[in-house]
Amino acid sequence: MGRKIPPKVGYELTDLGRSLIAPLTLLADWAFENRPAMEQARLAYDKEHGGPAK
């Protein structure tokens, strides 16, 4: 018996999926730029409300 080769599956984004690339990139850039402010806000909230949620 010869070697069995598993079936190939190819994946590709649709046009609709590709249309999300630009907005998601903007969101990721925003999050990266604002991370220090978000961390400070979380620390302030935790301090005011008795620590991080459990």
C-alpha atoms as a PDB file:
ATOM      1  CA  MET A   1       0.000   0.000   0.000  1.00  0.00           C
ATOM      2  CA  GLY A   2       1.176   3.479  -0.844  1.00  0.00           C
ATOM      3  CA  ARG A   3       1.429   6.478   1.410  1.00  0.00           C
ATOM      4  CA  LYS A   4      -1.888   8.157   2.170  1.00  0.00           C
ATOM      5  CA  ILE A   5      -1.958  11.885   1.593  1.00  0.00           C
ATOM      6  CA  PRO A   6      -4.503  13.823   3.640  1.00  0.00           C
ATOM      7  CA  PRO A   7      -6.898  16.064   1.725  1.00  0.00           C
ATOM      8  CA  LYS A   8      -5.863  19.673   1.239  1.00  0.00           C
ATOM      9  CA  VAL A   9      -8.030  22.500   2.466  1.00  0.00           C
ATOM     10  CA  GLY A  10      -7.482  26.061   1.379  1.00  0.00           C
ATOM     11  CA  TYR A  11      -8.805  29.044   3.307  1.00  0.00           C
ATOM     12  CA  GLU A  12      -9.147  32.572   2.031  1.00  0.00           C
ATOM     13  CA  LEU A  13     -10.909  35.685   3.251  1.00  0.00           C
ATOM     14  CA  THR A  14     -13.926  36.789   1.298  1.00  0.00           C
ATOM     15  CA  ASP A  15     -14.297  40.373   0.100  1.00  0.00           C
ATOM     16  CA  LEU A  16     -16.492  40.983   3.156  1.00  0.00           C
ATOM     17  CA  GLY A  17     -13.792  39.608   5.438  1.00  0.00           C
ATOM     18  CA  ARG A  18     -11.108  41.681   3.725  1.00  0.00           C
ATOM     19  CA  SER A  19     -13.261  44.771   4.281  1.00  0.00           C
ATOM     20  CA  LEU A  20     -12.616  44.361   8.029  1.00  0.00           C
ATOM     21  CA  ILE A  21      -8.839  44.676   7.729  1.00  0.00           C
ATOM     22  CA  ALA A  22      -8.725  48.491   7.709  1.00  0.00           C
ATOM     23  CA  PRO A  23     -11.173  49.037  10.625  1.00  0.00           C
ATOM     24  CA  LEU A  24      -9.482  46.339  12.722  1.00  0.00           C
ATOM     25  CA  THR A  25      -6.080  47.856  12.017  1.00  0.00           C
ATOM     26  CA  LEU A  26      -7.372  51.248  13.175  1.00  0.00           C
ATOM     27  CA  LEU A  27      -8.769  49.660  16.348  1.00  0.00           C
ATOM     28  CA  ALA A  28      -5.481  47.862  17.061  1.00  0.00           C
ATOM     29  CA  ASP A  29      -3.509  51.078  16.507  1.00  0.00           C
ATOM     30  CA  TRP A  30      -5.882  52.976  18.826  1.00  0.00           C
ATOM     31  CA  ALA A  31      -5.556  50.318  21.538  1.00  0.00           C
ATOM     32  CA  PHE A  32      -1.756  50.316  21.290  1.00  0.00           C
ATOM     33  CA  GLU A  33      -1.572  54.120  21.497  1.00  0.00           C
ATOM     34  CA  ASN A  34      -4.031  54.314  24.392  1.00  0.00           C
ATOM     35  CA  ARG A  35      -2.849  51.331  26.423  1.00  0.00           C
ATOM     36  CA  PRO A  36      -1.045  53.435  29.064  1.00  0.00           C
ATOM     37  CA  ALA A  37      -4.183  55.552  29.596  1.00  0.00           C
ATOM     38  CA  MET A  38      -6.372  52.440  29.817  1.00  0.00           C
ATOM     39  CA  GLU A  39      -4.024  50.891  32.382  1.00  0.00           C
ATOM     40  CA  GLN A  40      -4.070  54.089  34.449  1.00  0.00           C
ATOM     41  CA  ALA A  41      -7.865  54.221  34.291  1.00  0.00           C
ATOM     42  CA  ARG A  42      -8.099  50.591  35.413  1.00  0.00           C
ATOM     43  CA  LEU A  43      -5.725  51.211  38.330  1.00  0.00           C
ATOM     44  CA  ALA A  44      -7.709  54.288  39.391  1.00  0.00           C
ATOM     45  CA  TYR A  45     -10.979  52.366  39.169  1.00  0.00           C
ATOM     46  CA  ASP A  46      -9.577  49.439  41.161  1.00  0.00           C
ATOM     47  CA  LYS A  47      -8.221  51.805  43.826  1.00  0.00           C
ATOM     48  CA  GLU A  48     -11.598  53.547  44.131  1.00  0.00           C
ATOM     49  CA  HIS A  49     -13.592  50.288  44.212  1.00  0.00           C
ATOM     50  CA  GLY A  50     -11.449  48.134  46.503  1.00  0.00           C
ATOM     51  CA  GLY A  51      -9.221  46.293  44.075  1.00  0.00           C
ATOM     52  CA  PRO A  52      -9.590  44.239  40.916  1.00  0.00           C
ATOM     53  CA  ALA A  53     -12.773  42.225  40.325  1.00  0.00           C
ATOM     54  CA  LYS A  54     -12.593  38.557  41.220  1.00  0.00           C
END
